[in-house]
Amino acid sequence: MNATMSNKKIVGLAGSICLALGTFAPIISVPFSTLNYVNNGSGDGMFVLFLAAVSAIAILISSYRFLWFTGITSLALIAMTFFSLSSKISSIQERVRADLAGNPFRGIGILMTHTVQLQWGWLPLVVGGVLIIVCILMNET
């Protein structure tokens, strides 16, 4: 057995690690706090973390066919969460604008809703999922 690791395994493991670390990175900020995808053990982040671990094991034992499921499923969950959160943030901002029409404190309410923002943690999640898919498509070298 060759002692060096193939480029395919390196790319796949990098994707798995990136995906796993991304679950602990901040994905949304609210006043005085940030939230990550794992969200204290609840939500889709735990499933994505599990998929990252399964991907790493599959790569280490050279069973790449499982990566189609883990890569596509993790990217789908990430996309669904991203669009769901984006929609909720937008909806809340619109509702505050409408509910506070004519209120002298409307500006403060609108300002507070604009402090809720998506954060940089989405990048390692997406990059990790994409690298797992790229790993499947690579030739063994």
Protein backbone atom coordinates (compact mmCIF):
# COMPACT_ATOMS: atom_id res chain seq x y z
CA MET A 1 0.00 0.00 0.00
CA ASN A 2 1.23 3.45 -0.91
CA ALA A 3 2.03 5.62 2.11
CA THR A 4 0.98 8.84 0.38
CA MET A 5 -2.62 9.94 0.18
CA SER A 6 -4.22 10.49 -3.22
CA ASN A 7 -5.32 13.94 -4.34
CA LYS A 8 -8.88 12.63 -4.45
CA LYS A 9 -8.76 11.69 -0.76
CA ILE A 10 -7.10 14.97 0.17
CA VAL A 11 -9.82 17.00 -1.58
CA GLY A 12 -12.56 14.84 -0.05
CA LEU A 13 -11.16 15.01 3.47
CA ALA A 14 -10.65 18.76 3.12
CA GLY A 15 -14.32 19.00 2.16
CA SER A 16 -15.42 16.88 5.10
CA ILE A 17 -13.34 18.91 7.55
CA CYS A 18 -14.53 22.19 6.07
CA LEU A 19 -18.15 21.02 6.26
CA ALA A 20 -17.74 19.87 9.87
CA LEU A 21 -16.01 23.07 10.99
CA GLY A 22 -18.60 25.15 9.14
CA THR A 23 -21.34 23.77 11.37
CA PHE A 24 -19.69 25.55 14.33
CA ALA A 25 -19.05 28.85 12.49
CA PRO A 26 -21.47 31.77 12.90
CA ILE A 27 -24.23 31.68 10.27
CA ILE A 28 -26.46 34.44 11.63
CA SER A 29 -25.97 37.33 13.99
CA VAL A 30 -28.63 38.85 16.17
CA PRO A 31 -28.10 41.72 18.60
CA PHE A 32 -25.53 40.66 21.20
CA SER A 33 -25.20 37.09 19.88
CA THR A 34 -24.32 34.86 16.94
CA LEU A 35 -25.82 31.50 16.07
CA ASN A 36 -24.13 28.55 14.39
CA TYR A 37 -25.61 25.70 12.37
CA VAL A 38 -25.34 23.15 15.19
CA ASN A 39 -27.40 25.47 17.42
CA ASN A 40 -26.60 23.67 20.68
CA GLY A 41 -27.34 20.19 19.30
CA SER A 42 -30.66 20.92 17.65
CA GLY A 43 -31.58 21.38 14.02
CA ASP A 44 -30.16 20.42 10.67
CA GLY A 45 -26.62 21.29 11.70
CA MET A 46 -26.29 18.06 13.67
CA PHE A 47 -27.35 16.08 10.60
CA VAL A 48 -24.84 17.97 8.42
CA LEU A 49 -22.13 17.26 11.02
CA PHE A 50 -23.08 13.58 10.87
CA LEU A 51 -22.93 13.67 7.05
CA ALA A 52 -19.45 15.22 7.24
CA ALA A 53 -18.29 12.37 9.50
CA VAL A 54 -19.82 9.72 7.22
CA SER A 55 -18.15 11.40 4.24
CA ALA A 56 -14.75 11.32 5.95
CA ILE A 57 -15.13 7.63 6.81
CA ALA A 58 -16.26 6.80 3.25
CA ILE A 59 -13.26 8.64 1.83
CA LEU A 60 -10.81 6.93 4.17
CA ILE A 61 -12.09 3.48 3.16
CA SER A 62 -12.29 4.54 -0.53
CA SER A 63 -16.03 3.98 -0.75
CA TYR A 64 -16.82 7.05 -2.82
CA ARG A 65 -20.32 6.06 -3.91
CA PHE A 66 -21.72 7.16 -0.51
CA LEU A 67 -20.45 10.66 -1.18
CA TRP A 68 -23.21 11.31 -3.72
CA PHE A 69 -25.72 11.01 -0.89
CA THR A 70 -23.72 12.85 1.76
CA GLY A 71 -22.57 15.67 -0.53
CA ILE A 72 -25.88 16.38 -2.21
CA THR A 73 -27.90 15.98 0.99
CA SER A 74 -25.66 18.32 2.96
CA LEU A 75 -25.75 20.95 0.20
CA ALA A 76 -29.53 20.64 -0.04
CA LEU A 77 -29.96 21.07 3.73
CA ILE A 78 -27.62 24.06 3.75
CA ALA A 79 -29.46 25.67 0.83
CA MET A 80 -32.88 25.08 2.42
CA THR A 81 -31.72 26.59 5.72
CA PHE A 82 -30.09 29.56 4.00
CA PHE A 83 -33.18 30.42 1.97
CA SER A 84 -35.48 29.81 4.92
CA LEU A 85 -33.48 32.14 7.18
CA SER A 86 -33.16 34.77 4.45
CA SER A 87 -36.92 34.66 3.91
CA LYS A 88 -37.66 34.91 7.64
CA ILE A 89 -35.32 37.88 8.07
CA SER A 90 -36.91 39.67 5.12
CA SER A 91 -40.42 38.86 6.38
CA ILE A 92 -39.65 40.20 9.86
CA GLN A 93 -38.21 43.40 8.41
CA GLU A 94 -41.33 43.94 6.27
CA ARG A 95 -43.66 43.17 9.17
CA VAL A 96 -41.87 45.65 11.45
CA ARG A 97 -42.12 48.35 8.76
CA ALA A 98 -45.86 47.73 8.37
CA ASP A 99 -46.68 47.28 12.08
CA LEU A 100 -44.81 50.38 13.17
CA ALA A 101 -46.18 52.70 10.50
CA GLY A 102 -46.89 56.03 12.17
CA ASN A 103 -45.10 55.02 15.37
CA PRO A 104 -42.48 57.57 16.47
CA PHE A 105 -40.11 54.71 17.33
CA ARG A 106 -40.43 53.10 13.91
CA GLY A 107 -36.84 54.00 12.98
CA ILE A 108 -35.47 52.20 16.03
CA GLY A 109 -37.51 49.10 15.22
CA ILE A 110 -36.31 49.08 11.62
CA LEU A 111 -32.73 49.62 12.76
CA MET A 112 -32.99 46.66 15.15
CA THR A 113 -34.25 44.34 12.40
CA HIS A 114 -31.31 45.33 10.20
CA THR A 115 -28.89 44.16 12.89
CA VAL A 116 -29.97 40.56 12.18
CA GLN A 117 -27.60 39.43 9.42
CA LEU A 118 -26.27 36.33 7.73
CA GLN A 119 -22.63 35.65 8.63
CA TRP A 120 -19.49 34.12 7.11
CA GLY A 121 -20.19 30.57 8.34
CA TRP A 122 -22.12 29.79 5.15
CA LEU A 123 -18.87 29.85 3.15
CA PRO A 124 -17.14 26.84 4.75
CA LEU A 125 -20.44 24.92 4.67
CA VAL A 126 -20.88 25.42 0.93
CA VAL A 127 -17.18 24.95 0.12
CA GLY A 128 -17.12 21.71 2.13
CA GLY A 129 -20.16 20.31 0.35
CA VAL A 130 -18.79 21.30 -3.06
CA LEU A 131 -15.38 19.73 -2.31
CA ILE A 132 -17.09 16.45 -1.42
CA ILE A 133 -18.86 16.48 -4.80
CA VAL A 134 -15.60 17.42 -6.57
CA CYS A 135 -13.93 14.47 -4.84
CA ILE A 136 -16.44 12.09 -6.42
CA LEU A 137 -15.75 13.48 -9.87
CA MET A 138 -11.96 13.32 -9.59
CA ASN A 139 -9.88 10.49 -11.01
CA GLU A 140 -7.79 8.49 -8.52
CA THR A 141 -4.18 9.79 -8.58
